[in-house]
Amino acid sequence: MIGGYSTLTVNISDFLRFSKDPHAHYWQKPMIPLLNTLIALMGIISASAAQEIWGKPYWTPTQIMRTWQDTSGGCAATFFCAAVWLLSQVSVNVNANAVFLANDVTTIAPKWFKVRRGTILVSLIGSWALCPWIIVSSGKAFLNFMSAYAIFMAAMARIPFTDY
């Protein structure tokens, strides 16, 4: 859980930099853990529902979508679910990751990069460098990644915790 929202904790100063209200970060303290807990609960609920329906707990949306292939309308349902899932992943990653990295790229090379170009560069590099298809290939691979990610992010998250 902490690995999931440590990214937002580390990047909070980048979001606050553009805020018009100096107290805008106060609502995030209770909301980030609450929303991440709800998202984790949705994963548990969907895996339990899959266990009840198909007899096997499916932990990823792609596993659930594979079971629809033999049903009428399964391809259409899979397409729409995959499109919504893609949109949510891109939206979350642009907001949570690309904004602060684009600021860093803009700071390093302001002559060539503005925030928009930095976001595009970071999105292109990050989408292939992290190999997300390997991370979500199984529940075990995802949990291993999040465990390792939390170890590195915990050290970086201490700085904003101390600062604020």
Protein backbone atom coordinates (compact mmCIF):
# COMPACT_ATOMS: atom_id res chain seq x y z
CA MET A 1 0.00 0.00 0.00
CA ILE A 2 2.73 2.45 0.93
CA GLY A 3 4.56 1.73 -2.33
CA GLY A 4 1.44 2.72 -4.22
CA TYR A 5 1.06 6.17 -2.76
CA SER A 6 4.67 6.95 -1.94
CA THR A 7 5.00 8.35 -5.48
CA LEU A 8 2.41 11.01 -4.69
CA THR A 9 4.10 11.71 -1.36
CA VAL A 10 7.44 12.28 -3.03
CA ASN A 11 5.92 14.44 -5.78
CA ILE A 12 3.66 16.58 -3.63
CA SER A 13 6.03 19.54 -3.81
CA ASP A 14 5.86 19.46 -7.62
CA PHE A 15 2.06 19.60 -7.48
CA LEU A 16 2.04 22.35 -4.87
CA ARG A 17 4.38 24.48 -6.94
CA PHE A 18 1.51 25.24 -9.32
CA SER A 19 -1.19 25.56 -6.65
CA LYS A 20 -2.95 28.88 -6.09
CA ASP A 21 -3.80 27.99 -2.48
CA PRO A 22 -0.89 27.51 -0.04
CA HIS A 23 -3.01 25.09 2.02
CA ALA A 24 -4.04 22.87 -0.90
CA HIS A 25 -2.03 19.92 0.38
CA TYR A 26 -4.04 19.52 3.60
CA TRP A 27 -6.89 17.59 1.96
CA GLN A 28 -4.41 15.13 0.45
CA LYS A 29 -3.22 13.79 3.79
CA PRO A 30 -6.44 11.85 4.48
CA MET A 31 -7.56 11.33 0.88
CA ILE A 32 -4.49 9.65 -0.65
CA PRO A 33 -4.44 6.74 1.86
CA LEU A 34 -8.25 6.47 1.78
CA LEU A 35 -8.49 6.28 -2.00
CA ASN A 36 -5.57 3.85 -2.26
CA THR A 37 -7.19 1.62 0.36
CA LEU A 38 -10.45 1.67 -1.60
CA ILE A 39 -8.60 0.73 -4.79
CA ALA A 40 -6.89 -2.18 -3.01
CA LEU A 41 -10.28 -3.29 -1.66
CA MET A 42 -11.70 -3.27 -5.20
CA GLY A 43 -8.92 -5.65 -6.25
CA ILE A 44 -9.71 -7.97 -3.36
CA ILE A 45 -13.44 -7.81 -4.08
CA SER A 46 -12.97 -8.52 -7.79
CA ALA A 47 -10.64 -11.45 -7.05
CA SER A 48 -13.19 -12.85 -4.59
CA ALA A 49 -15.97 -12.41 -7.15
CA ALA A 50 -13.85 -14.18 -9.77
CA GLN A 51 -13.26 -17.03 -7.30
CA GLU A 52 -17.00 -17.31 -6.80
CA ILE A 53 -17.88 -17.12 -10.52
CA TRP A 54 -15.04 -19.02 -12.23
CA GLY A 55 -13.58 -21.01 -9.34
CA LYS A 56 -10.20 -19.27 -9.59
CA PRO A 57 -9.16 -15.86 -8.16
CA TYR A 58 -8.12 -13.61 -11.03
CA TRP A 59 -5.99 -10.73 -9.79
CA THR A 60 -5.51 -8.73 -12.98
CA PRO A 61 -8.07 -7.24 -15.35
CA THR A 62 -6.46 -9.05 -18.29
CA GLN A 63 -7.11 -12.43 -16.66
CA ILE A 64 -10.76 -11.54 -16.14
CA MET A 65 -11.09 -10.25 -19.72
CA ARG A 66 -9.69 -13.53 -21.08
CA THR A 67 -12.62 -15.40 -19.56
CA TRP A 68 -15.05 -13.28 -21.61
CA GLN A 69 -13.66 -14.37 -24.97
CA ASP A 70 -15.98 -17.37 -25.27
CA THR A 71 -19.15 -15.43 -24.45
CA SER A 72 -21.42 -13.45 -26.76
CA GLY A 73 -20.28 -9.86 -26.82
CA GLY A 74 -17.05 -10.85 -25.06
CA CYS A 75 -14.79 -9.21 -27.62
CA ALA A 76 -16.68 -5.92 -27.40
CA ALA A 77 -16.68 -6.02 -23.59
CA THR A 78 -12.96 -6.79 -23.61
CA PHE A 79 -12.28 -3.91 -25.99
CA PHE A 80 -14.20 -1.37 -23.91
CA CYS A 81 -12.70 -2.56 -20.62
CA ALA A 82 -9.21 -2.51 -22.10
CA ALA A 83 -9.79 1.02 -23.48
CA VAL A 84 -10.97 2.29 -20.08
CA TRP A 85 -8.08 0.55 -18.34
CA LEU A 86 -5.59 2.07 -20.80
CA LEU A 87 -7.09 5.54 -20.31
CA SER A 88 -6.89 5.22 -16.52
CA GLN A 89 -3.28 4.01 -16.60
CA VAL A 90 -2.17 6.78 -18.92
CA SER A 91 -4.02 9.41 -16.86
CA VAL A 92 -2.58 8.22 -13.56
CA ASN A 93 0.96 7.92 -14.90
CA VAL A 94 0.97 11.31 -16.60
CA ASN A 95 -0.32 12.95 -13.41
CA ALA A 96 1.71 11.00 -10.88
CA ASN A 97 4.96 10.44 -12.73
CA ALA A 98 5.42 12.54 -15.85
CA VAL A 99 4.70 15.93 -14.26
CA PHE A 100 7.60 15.88 -11.84
CA LEU A 101 9.99 14.20 -14.28
CA ALA A 102 9.05 16.75 -16.94
CA ASN A 103 9.91 19.48 -14.43
CA ASP A 104 13.28 17.83 -13.87
CA VAL A 105 13.98 17.55 -17.61
CA THR A 106 12.97 21.20 -18.05
CA THR A 107 15.38 22.21 -15.28
CA ILE A 108 18.25 20.17 -16.77
CA ALA A 109 17.80 21.36 -20.37
CA PRO A 110 15.57 24.47 -20.48
CA LYS A 111 16.85 25.44 -23.93
CA TRP A 112 15.37 22.31 -25.55
CA PHE A 113 12.56 21.25 -23.23
CA LYS A 114 9.45 22.87 -21.84
CA VAL A 115 7.04 20.99 -19.56
CA ARG A 116 4.98 19.63 -22.47
CA ARG A 117 8.01 18.29 -24.36
CA GLY A 118 9.45 16.92 -21.14
CA THR A 119 6.19 15.07 -20.43
CA ILE A 120 6.21 13.52 -23.90
CA LEU A 121 9.87 12.50 -23.59
CA VAL A 122 9.38 10.97 -20.16
CA SER A 123 6.19 9.17 -21.27
CA LEU A 124 7.95 7.61 -24.23
CA ILE A 125 11.03 6.57 -22.28
CA GLY A 126 9.14 5.44 -19.17
CA SER A 127 6.59 3.37 -21.03
CA TRP A 128 9.32 1.16 -22.49
CA ALA A 129 12.09 1.35 -19.88
CA LEU A 130 9.93 -0.04 -17.06
CA CYS A 131 8.55 -2.92 -19.16
CA PRO A 132 5.03 -2.66 -17.68
CA TRP A 133 3.93 -5.83 -19.49
CA ILE A 134 6.34 -7.80 -17.31
CA ILE A 135 5.21 -6.09 -14.10
CA VAL A 136 1.52 -6.95 -14.63
CA SER A 137 2.11 -10.40 -16.11
CA SER A 138 1.20 -12.09 -12.84
CA GLY A 139 0.19 -11.25 -9.30
CA LYS A 140 3.55 -12.45 -7.99
CA ALA A 141 5.52 -10.26 -10.43
CA PHE A 142 3.40 -7.24 -9.49
CA LEU A 143 3.82 -7.78 -5.75
CA ASN A 144 7.58 -8.28 -6.17
CA PHE A 145 7.80 -5.03 -8.12
CA MET A 146 5.74 -3.09 -5.58
CA SER A 147 7.80 -4.46 -2.68
CA ALA A 148 11.06 -3.40 -4.31
CA TYR A 149 9.53 -0.07 -5.35
CA ALA A 150 8.41 0.66 -1.79
CA ILE A 151 11.94 0.10 -0.47
CA PHE A 152 13.38 2.78 -2.76
CA MET A 153 10.47 5.18 -2.41
CA ALA A 154 10.44 4.99 1.39
CA ALA A 155 13.89 6.54 1.54
CA MET A 156 12.87 9.34 -0.83
CA ALA A 157 9.53 9.89 0.93
CA ARG A 158 11.31 10.70 4.19
CA ILE A 159 12.51 14.01 2.78
CA PRO A 160 9.06 15.53 2.14
CA PHE A 161 7.75 14.06 5.41
CA THR A 162 10.55 15.78 7.28
CA ASP A 163 10.22 18.99 5.26
CA TYR A 164 6.49 19.38 5.79
